[in-house]
Amino acid sequence: MESIARFVGLDLGAKVTAVCEVNAEGDVVREGTVGDVKQLVAVLGPKRPKARVAFEACREAWYVHDLLREWGNEVVVVDTTRARKFGLGHHGRKNDALDAQFYARALAKGSLPEAHVLSANRREIRKRLGVRRALVRSRSNLITQVRELCRAEGHKLPQCSSAHFLEHVRLTPLPPSLHALVAPVLCSLCTLEQGIADVDEALHELAAQEGTLAPQLATVPGVGVLIALAFVAVIDDPARFRRASDVVSYLGLAPSESSTGGRRRLGSITKQGNTYLRALLVQAAWCVMRSRHRDDPLVMWAHQLAARRGKRIAVVGVARRLARLMWAMWRDGTVYTPEMLAAQGASSADEAAQRQTQYAVALRAAALRQAERKLSRQRTDSSRRAKRAVLLEEVLTMA
């Protein structure tokens, strides 16, 4: 194996990037700044000796990671949530040059906490989800604006989901002056609906590239293509976690704890990790709570928990259980079926395993077919909303 004698730390910034290179003993060899990451070719390019490079996880971390690896370097992306525990800023002074120097010296010592680097397909999924999230947020803001404008004129629009708002506005008689006032906002909403539908279509195509993974996860009640892909994009590899409780902690759904003196005190959830996925899991939990399939073991458990602890606590508990279920299913290649869950909950381990083997082939195939139909309906609904938005925009334009 080729030995590496160069250790380089980078502090990536919006305007400049600080660079520090040290040798194996930790002595500074080179320091400076560059205005663009591509200018690092003079220090870390393919014609330079191989180096180990470290920088913190940030927006451009994946791009820089791929670029430096393409140049032949070994790259370490630093987990920023643990960097301070390893001494970053311990001396009370923190600037770009000192951070780069810290990363370089920590590399030489081999003591940096590494962050997980997403695979290429999962990165694309996360980007698309980010675009969709921004579009949905803009849609919500514009809908609120239209409702406020109508209320100011004494007209209350009926309550409905965001996806059906345009249709409800079209069916609601408004005075010509008010219609002219909100028409530009409604046109923007039409454009957003088309954009969301385009992103949804791209997400369905990305789901198809994952094989049967998305339908497999969508067999869980309340889980559709959006939540399945968000879970895949955040977890990336189920082998990263040893147990389901690690996944729950990673997503910030584990209760906070302040125990001392032999007494255990649990508080609210930590809310660490990916905020978007955690919010989606909570939405899925509400779907489970409102499900009409009261004979489903998961739905029954949710209502029993709600009766004991209240709905809000129960929803968080269901979201936590959904994360555990999805991770275990992904790890084991299984699907969710009420029959299997009931057998596992009511039988011994040996008996449950026997029943799972007995049901495995037929139930898996049926569950996947049902999940694929669910995803197909979601895809069709998104396309229909986009088509209705196009027609409504034409009506508004003519008006």
Protein backbone atom coordinates (compact mmCIF):
# COMPACT_ATOMS: atom_id res chain seq x y z
CA MET A 1 0.00 0.00 0.00
CA GLU A 2 1.27 3.43 -0.92
CA SER A 3 2.25 5.48 2.14
CA ILE A 4 0.94 9.04 2.29
CA ALA A 5 3.17 11.77 3.70
CA ARG A 6 0.94 14.74 2.83
CA PHE A 7 -1.99 15.77 5.02
CA VAL A 8 -4.13 18.69 3.90
CA GLY A 9 -6.95 20.42 5.73
CA LEU A 10 -9.50 22.62 3.96
CA ASP A 11 -12.02 25.08 5.35
CA LEU A 12 -14.54 25.53 2.56
CA GLY A 13 -16.08 28.99 2.42
CA ALA A 14 -18.51 30.88 0.21
CA LYS A 15 -15.82 33.37 -0.89
CA VAL A 16 -12.44 31.76 -0.12
CA THR A 17 -11.18 28.35 0.95
CA ALA A 18 -8.39 28.11 3.53
CA VAL A 19 -5.70 25.49 2.84
CA CYS A 20 -3.17 24.03 5.29
CA GLU A 21 -0.73 21.19 4.59
CA VAL A 22 1.28 19.44 7.30
CA ASN A 23 3.74 16.56 7.27
CA ALA A 24 3.50 13.34 9.24
CA GLU A 25 4.92 15.07 12.34
CA GLY A 26 2.23 17.78 12.21
CA ASP A 27 4.55 20.59 11.10
CA VAL A 28 2.96 23.14 8.78
CA VAL A 29 4.37 22.88 5.25
CA ARG A 30 2.01 25.21 3.35
CA GLU A 31 -0.80 27.64 4.22
CA GLY A 32 -2.90 29.93 2.09
CA THR A 33 -6.29 30.55 0.50
CA VAL A 34 -7.88 30.02 -2.90
CA GLY A 35 -10.89 31.77 -4.37
CA ASP A 36 -12.27 28.68 -6.11
CA VAL A 37 -12.04 25.00 -5.31
CA LYS A 38 -10.72 24.23 -8.81
CA GLN A 39 -7.65 26.34 -8.01
CA LEU A 40 -6.61 23.57 -5.60
CA VAL A 41 -5.25 21.74 -8.63
CA ALA A 42 -1.91 23.46 -7.98
CA VAL A 43 -1.72 21.77 -4.56
CA LEU A 44 -3.82 18.62 -4.92
CA GLY A 45 -4.04 18.07 -8.67
CA PRO A 46 -3.32 14.78 -10.47
CA LYS A 47 0.29 15.83 -11.11
CA ARG A 48 0.95 16.35 -7.41
CA PRO A 49 1.88 13.60 -4.90
CA LYS A 50 -1.10 11.83 -3.38
CA ALA A 51 -2.48 13.42 -0.20
CA ARG A 52 -5.07 12.78 2.47
CA VAL A 53 -7.51 15.69 2.52
CA ALA A 54 -10.09 16.61 5.16
CA PHE A 55 -12.88 19.18 5.25
CA GLU A 56 -16.17 19.50 7.05
CA ALA A 57 -19.49 18.35 5.67
CA CYS A 58 -21.32 21.25 3.97
CA ARG A 59 -23.32 22.09 0.86
CA GLU A 60 -20.46 21.62 -1.58
CA ALA A 61 -18.80 18.76 0.28
CA TRP A 62 -19.97 16.06 -2.16
CA TYR A 63 -18.74 17.99 -5.18
CA VAL A 64 -15.34 18.66 -3.60
CA HIS A 65 -15.12 15.04 -2.43
CA ASP A 66 -15.65 13.72 -5.97
CA LEU A 67 -13.28 16.27 -7.51
CA LEU A 68 -10.39 15.51 -5.13
CA ARG A 69 -10.86 11.76 -5.49
CA GLU A 70 -10.84 12.17 -9.26
CA TRP A 71 -7.44 13.85 -8.84
CA GLY A 72 -6.18 10.76 -6.99
CA ASN A 73 -6.36 11.88 -3.35
CA GLU A 74 -7.85 10.19 -0.30
CA VAL A 75 -10.69 12.28 1.08
CA VAL A 76 -12.18 12.45 4.57
CA VAL A 77 -15.44 14.37 5.07
CA VAL A 78 -15.59 15.45 8.71
CA ASP A 79 -18.72 14.95 10.80
CA THR A 80 -19.36 18.51 12.03
CA THR A 81 -21.61 17.33 14.88
CA ARG A 82 -18.61 15.69 16.56
CA ALA A 83 -15.73 17.90 15.41
CA ARG A 84 -15.79 20.14 18.50
CA LYS A 85 -15.62 17.12 20.78
CA PHE A 86 -12.34 16.26 19.06
CA GLY A 87 -10.83 19.67 19.82
CA LEU A 88 -11.97 22.09 17.12
CA GLY A 89 -11.92 25.59 18.64
CA HIS A 90 -10.77 24.35 22.07
CA HIS A 91 -8.34 27.27 22.43
CA GLY A 92 -11.12 29.84 22.21
CA ARG A 93 -10.05 31.11 18.79
CA LYS A 94 -11.75 30.03 15.60
CA ASN A 95 -11.12 31.21 12.06
CA ASP A 96 -10.77 29.59 8.65
CA ALA A 97 -6.98 29.23 8.78
CA LEU A 98 -7.03 27.63 12.27
CA ASP A 99 -9.82 25.26 11.25
CA ALA A 100 -7.88 24.10 8.18
CA GLN A 101 -4.79 23.63 10.35
CA PHE A 102 -6.79 21.63 12.90
CA TYR A 103 -8.15 19.29 10.20
CA ALA A 104 -4.69 18.75 8.70
CA ARG A 105 -3.06 17.92 12.05
CA ALA A 106 -5.94 15.71 13.13
CA LEU A 107 -5.56 13.83 9.83
CA ALA A 108 -1.87 13.25 10.55
CA LYS A 109 -2.84 11.82 13.95
CA GLY A 110 -5.69 9.79 12.46
CA SER A 111 -8.27 11.17 14.91
CA LEU A 112 -10.98 12.76 12.76
CA PRO A 113 -14.64 11.68 12.98
CA GLU A 114 -15.75 10.81 9.44
CA ALA A 115 -19.16 11.61 8.00
CA HIS A 116 -20.98 9.21 5.69
CA VAL A 117 -20.75 10.13 2.00
CA LEU A 118 -23.94 9.43 0.08
CA SER A 119 -23.89 7.35 -3.08
CA ALA A 120 -24.53 9.20 -6.37
CA ASN A 121 -28.15 8.07 -6.86
CA ARG A 122 -29.08 8.94 -3.26
CA ARG A 123 -27.56 12.40 -3.69
CA GLU A 124 -29.78 12.98 -6.71
CA ILE A 125 -32.80 11.86 -4.71
CA ARG A 126 -31.93 14.29 -1.92
CA LYS A 127 -31.50 17.17 -4.39
CA ARG A 128 -34.89 16.48 -5.97
CA LEU A 129 -36.50 16.27 -2.55
CA GLY A 130 -34.94 19.61 -1.68
CA VAL A 131 -36.39 21.19 -4.82
CA ARG A 132 -39.82 19.74 -4.07
CA ARG A 133 -39.68 20.95 -0.49
CA ALA A 134 -38.91 24.49 -1.67
CA LEU A 135 -41.78 24.42 -4.19
CA VAL A 136 -44.26 23.11 -1.62
CA ARG A 137 -43.18 25.77 0.87
CA SER A 138 -43.70 28.48 -1.78
CA ARG A 139 -47.11 27.03 -2.63
CA SER A 140 -48.16 27.14 1.02
CA ASN A 141 -47.07 30.77 1.35
CA LEU A 142 -49.01 31.81 -1.76
CA ILE A 143 -52.12 29.93 -0.66
CA THR A 144 -51.98 31.74 2.68
CA GLN A 145 -51.66 35.03 0.83
CA VAL A 146 -54.74 34.33 -1.33
CA ARG A 147 -56.80 33.34 1.71
CA GLU A 148 -55.80 36.52 3.55
CA LEU A 149 -56.66 38.71 0.55
CA CYS A 150 -60.07 37.07 0.25
CA ARG A 151 -60.77 37.38 3.98
CA ALA A 152 -59.86 41.08 3.84
CA GLU A 153 -62.68 41.50 1.32
CA GLY A 154 -65.15 39.45 3.37
CA HIS A 155 -64.85 36.19 1.41
CA LYS A 156 -63.74 33.02 3.18
CA LEU A 157 -62.44 30.24 0.95
CA PRO A 158 -63.40 26.69 1.97
CA GLN A 159 -60.84 24.60 3.84
CA CYS A 160 -59.10 22.01 1.67
CA SER A 161 -55.73 20.44 1.06
CA SER A 162 -53.06 22.46 -0.76
CA ALA A 163 -53.23 20.07 -3.70
CA HIS A 164 -56.92 20.90 -4.31
CA PHE A 165 -56.82 24.61 -3.50
CA LEU A 166 -56.88 25.83 -7.11
CA GLU A 167 -59.89 23.71 -7.92
CA HIS A 168 -61.78 25.08 -4.90
CA VAL A 169 -60.91 28.67 -5.88
CA ARG A 170 -62.23 28.04 -9.40
CA LEU A 171 -65.57 26.82 -8.00
CA THR A 172 -65.88 29.71 -5.52
CA PRO A 173 -67.66 32.83 -6.90
CA LEU A 174 -65.49 35.89 -6.32
CA PRO A 175 -66.15 39.54 -7.29
CA PRO A 176 -64.33 40.58 -10.49
CA SER A 177 -62.16 43.08 -8.60
CA LEU A 178 -61.05 40.43 -6.10
CA HIS A 179 -60.48 37.89 -8.85
CA ALA A 180 -58.28 40.38 -10.70
CA LEU A 181 -56.37 41.03 -7.47
CA VAL A 182 -55.52 37.38 -6.76
CA ALA A 183 -55.13 36.28 -10.41
CA PRO A 184 -51.33 36.85 -10.52
CA VAL A 185 -50.91 34.78 -7.37
CA LEU A 186 -53.13 32.03 -8.76
CA CYS A 187 -51.06 31.97 -11.96
CA SER A 188 -47.94 31.53 -9.85
CA LEU A 189 -49.68 28.69 -8.01
CA CYS A 190 -50.45 27.04 -11.35
CA THR A 191 -46.77 27.21 -12.28
CA LEU A 192 -45.79 25.76 -8.91
CA GLU A 193 -48.25 22.88 -9.31
CA GLN A 194 -46.69 22.02 -12.67
CA GLY A 195 -43.21 22.23 -11.14
CA ILE A 196 -44.19 19.94 -8.26
CA ALA A 197 -45.68 17.45 -10.73
CA ASP A 198 -42.45 17.49 -12.78
CA VAL A 199 -40.38 16.83 -9.64
CA ASP A 200 -42.77 14.06 -8.59
CA GLU A 201 -42.33 12.43 -11.99
CA ALA A 202 -38.54 12.61 -11.62
CA LEU A 203 -38.82 11.09 -8.12
CA HIS A 204 -40.88 8.19 -9.46
CA GLU A 205 -38.20 7.58 -12.09
CA LEU A 206 -35.51 7.63 -9.39
CA ALA A 207 -37.62 5.21 -7.37
CA ALA A 208 -37.72 2.87 -10.35
CA GLN A 209 -33.91 2.92 -10.45
CA GLU A 210 -33.92 1.58 -6.88
CA GLY A 211 -35.62 -1.61 -8.06
CA THR A 212 -38.24 -2.97 -5.66
CA LEU A 213 -36.95 -0.96 -2.68
CA ALA A 214 -39.52 1.85 -2.91
CA PRO A 215 -42.54 -0.52 -3.27
CA GLN A 216 -41.04 -2.65 -0.49
CA LEU A 217 -40.98 0.29 1.94
CA ALA A 218 -44.34 1.56 0.65
CA THR A 219 -46.02 -1.60 1.95
CA VAL A 220 -45.94 0.12 5.37
CA PRO A 221 -49.17 2.04 6.14
CA GLY A 222 -48.82 5.78 5.60
CA VAL A 223 -45.66 5.45 3.51
CA GLY A 224 -45.62 6.56 -0.13
CA VAL A 225 -42.93 7.24 -2.68
CA LEU A 226 -41.93 10.54 -1.05
CA ILE A 227 -41.32 9.09 2.42
CA ALA A 228 -39.73 5.93 1.01
CA LEU A 229 -37.24 7.92 -1.07
CA ALA A 230 -36.52 10.38 1.75
CA PHE A 231 -35.76 7.44 4.06
CA VAL A 232 -33.50 5.85 1.46
CA ALA A 233 -31.68 9.13 0.76
CA VAL A 234 -30.96 9.75 4.46
CA ILE A 235 -30.09 6.23 5.58
CA ASP A 236 -28.37 5.29 2.28
CA ASP A 237 -27.08 1.96 3.59
CA PRO A 238 -28.88 -0.01 6.34
CA ALA A 239 -25.60 -1.71 7.28
CA ARG A 240 -24.41 1.64 8.69
CA PHE A 241 -26.52 0.95 11.78
CA ARG A 242 -26.22 -2.00 14.13
CA ARG A 243 -29.74 -1.86 15.50
CA ALA A 244 -33.05 -0.11 14.97
CA SER A 245 -32.57 2.08 18.05
CA ASP A 246 -29.48 3.60 16.37
CA VAL A 247 -31.66 4.65 13.43
CA VAL A 248 -34.19 6.21 15.78
CA SER A 249 -31.45 8.21 17.51
CA TYR A 250 -29.92 9.23 14.17
CA LEU A 251 -33.27 10.68 13.07
CA GLY A 252 -33.79 12.56 16.34
CA LEU A 253 -36.86 10.53 17.36
CA ALA A 254 -35.29 9.15 20.54
CA PRO A 255 -36.26 10.82 23.85
CA SER A 256 -33.72 13.14 25.42
CA GLU A 257 -32.33 11.97 28.75
CA SER A 258 -31.02 13.63 31.90
CA SER A 259 -30.43 10.81 34.35
CA THR A 260 -28.39 11.05 37.53
CA GLY A 261 -28.31 9.65 41.03
CA GLY A 262 -29.90 6.38 39.96
CA ARG A 263 -33.02 8.10 38.60
CA ARG A 264 -33.80 8.01 34.90
CA ARG A 265 -35.39 11.16 33.47
CA LEU A 266 -36.61 11.12 29.88
CA GLY A 267 -37.72 14.27 28.08
CA SER A 268 -38.97 15.24 24.64
CA ILE A 269 -37.36 13.86 21.50
CA THR A 270 -33.89 15.18 20.63
CA LYS A 271 -34.88 16.50 17.15
CA GLN A 272 -31.38 15.79 15.85
CA GLY A 273 -30.61 14.60 12.33
CA ASN A 274 -32.61 15.24 9.16
CA THR A 275 -35.54 17.56 9.91
CA TYR A 276 -37.36 16.85 6.65
CA LEU A 277 -37.45 13.08 7.05
CA ARG A 278 -38.52 13.39 10.67
CA ALA A 279 -41.41 15.65 9.63
CA LEU A 280 -42.43 13.20 6.89
CA LEU A 281 -42.43 10.30 9.36
CA VAL A 282 -44.67 12.29 11.70
CA GLN A 283 -47.05 12.95 8.78
CA ALA A 284 -47.05 9.23 8.02
CA ALA A 285 -47.81 8.54 11.68
CA TRP A 286 -50.87 10.81 11.49
CA CYS A 287 -52.01 8.81 8.43
CA VAL A 288 -51.69 5.62 10.47
CA MET A 289 -53.72 7.17 13.30
CA ARG A 290 -56.49 8.13 10.84
CA SER A 291 -56.43 4.83 8.95
CA ARG A 292 -59.72 3.02 8.39
CA HIS A 293 -57.98 -0.36 8.65
CA ARG A 294 -58.59 -0.75 12.37
CA ASP A 295 -57.71 -4.47 12.23
CA ASP A 296 -54.11 -3.69 11.19
CA PRO A 297 -51.74 -4.47 14.12
CA LEU A 298 -49.84 -1.21 13.65
CA VAL A 299 -53.05 0.85 13.63
CA MET A 300 -54.35 -1.02 16.68
CA TRP A 301 -51.10 -0.40 18.53
CA ALA A 302 -51.23 3.30 17.64
CA HIS A 303 -54.76 3.70 19.03
CA GLN A 304 -53.90 1.78 22.20
CA LEU A 305 -50.92 4.07 22.73
CA ALA A 306 -53.08 7.15 22.08
CA ALA A 307 -55.60 5.96 24.67
CA ARG A 308 -52.82 5.66 27.26
CA ARG A 309 -50.63 8.68 26.47
CA GLY A 310 -52.63 11.01 24.21
CA LYS A 311 -52.55 11.51 20.45
CA ARG A 312 -49.51 13.81 20.23
CA ILE A 313 -47.24 11.45 22.14
CA ALA A 314 -48.70 8.50 20.25
CA VAL A 315 -47.90 10.10 16.89
CA VAL A 316 -44.23 10.44 17.82
CA GLY A 317 -44.24 6.84 19.04
CA VAL A 318 -45.72 5.68 15.74
CA ALA A 319 -43.17 7.71 13.76
CA ARG A 320 -40.42 6.05 15.80
CA ARG A 321 -41.86 2.62 15.10
CA LEU A 322 -42.20 3.37 11.39
CA ALA A 323 -38.48 4.20 11.25
CA ARG A 324 -37.63 0.96 13.01
CA LEU A 325 -39.91 -1.07 10.73
CA MET A 326 -38.60 0.45 7.50
CA TRP A 327 -34.98 -0.03 8.50
CA ALA A 328 -35.55 -3.69 9.50
CA MET A 329 -37.48 -4.39 6.28
CA TRP A 330 -34.71 -2.84 4.19
CA ARG A 331 -32.03 -4.75 6.04
CA ASP A 332 -33.83 -8.11 5.78
CA GLY A 333 -35.42 -7.61 2.36
CA THR A 334 -38.92 -8.19 3.77
CA VAL A 335 -42.23 -6.41 3.29
CA TYR A 336 -44.90 -5.22 5.70
CA THR A 337 -47.98 -7.40 5.99
CA PRO A 338 -50.50 -7.37 8.86
CA GLU A 339 -50.49 -11.16 8.94
CA MET A 340 -46.74 -11.36 9.54
CA LEU A 341 -46.76 -8.58 12.11
CA ALA A 342 -49.62 -10.22 14.00
CA ALA A 343 -47.87 -13.60 13.88
CA GLN A 344 -44.67 -12.11 15.25
CA GLY A 345 -46.51 -10.24 17.98
CA ALA A 346 -48.60 -13.21 19.13
CA SER A 347 -46.21 -16.15 18.77
CA SER A 348 -42.88 -17.33 20.00
CA ALA A 349 -39.79 -16.61 17.93
CA ASP A 350 -39.67 -20.12 16.42
CA GLU A 351 -43.37 -20.14 15.66
CA ALA A 352 -43.23 -16.67 14.13
CA ALA A 353 -40.31 -17.68 11.92
CA GLN A 354 -42.23 -20.75 10.77
CA ARG A 355 -45.30 -18.69 9.91
CA GLN A 356 -43.19 -16.09 8.11
CA THR A 357 -41.63 -18.84 5.98
CA GLN A 358 -45.06 -20.22 5.25
CA TYR A 359 -46.49 -16.86 4.20
CA ALA A 360 -43.32 -15.40 2.72
CA VAL A 361 -43.72 -15.94 -1.02
CA ALA A 362 -47.44 -15.27 -1.41
CA LEU A 363 -47.67 -12.38 1.03
CA ARG A 364 -44.56 -10.65 -0.29
CA ALA A 365 -45.84 -10.75 -3.86
CA ALA A 366 -49.29 -9.50 -2.85
CA ALA A 367 -47.87 -6.72 -0.68
CA LEU A 368 -45.56 -5.51 -3.44
CA ARG A 369 -48.40 -5.48 -5.98
CA GLN A 370 -50.54 -3.44 -3.61
CA ALA A 371 -47.67 -1.01 -2.93
CA GLU A 372 -47.01 -0.59 -6.65
CA ARG A 373 -50.68 0.24 -7.18
CA LYS A 374 -50.46 2.83 -4.37
CA LEU A 375 -47.40 4.45 -5.94
CA SER A 376 -49.08 4.39 -9.36
CA ARG A 377 -52.13 6.19 -7.93
CA GLN A 378 -49.88 8.85 -6.41
CA ARG A 379 -48.16 9.34 -9.73
CA THR A 380 -51.47 9.64 -11.56
CA ASP A 381 -52.90 12.09 -9.00
CA SER A 382 -49.86 14.34 -9.34
CA SER A 383 -50.17 14.32 -13.13
CA ARG A 384 -53.90 15.13 -12.96
CA ARG A 385 -53.29 18.09 -10.63
CA ALA A 386 -50.71 19.46 -13.05
CA LYS A 387 -53.13 19.15 -15.98
CA ARG A 388 -55.89 20.91 -14.02
CA ALA A 389 -53.41 23.68 -13.13
CA VAL A 390 -52.61 24.17 -16.83
CA LEU A 391 -56.31 24.48 -17.69
CA LEU A 392 -56.92 26.90 -14.84
CA GLU A 393 -53.96 29.03 -15.89
CA GLU A 394 -55.41 29.28 -19.39
CA VAL A 395 -58.74 30.41 -17.92
CA LEU A 396 -57.00 33.04 -15.77
CA THR A 397 -54.94 34.26 -18.72
CA MET A 398 -58.03 34.69 -20.90
CA ALA A 399 -59.82 36.50 -18.07
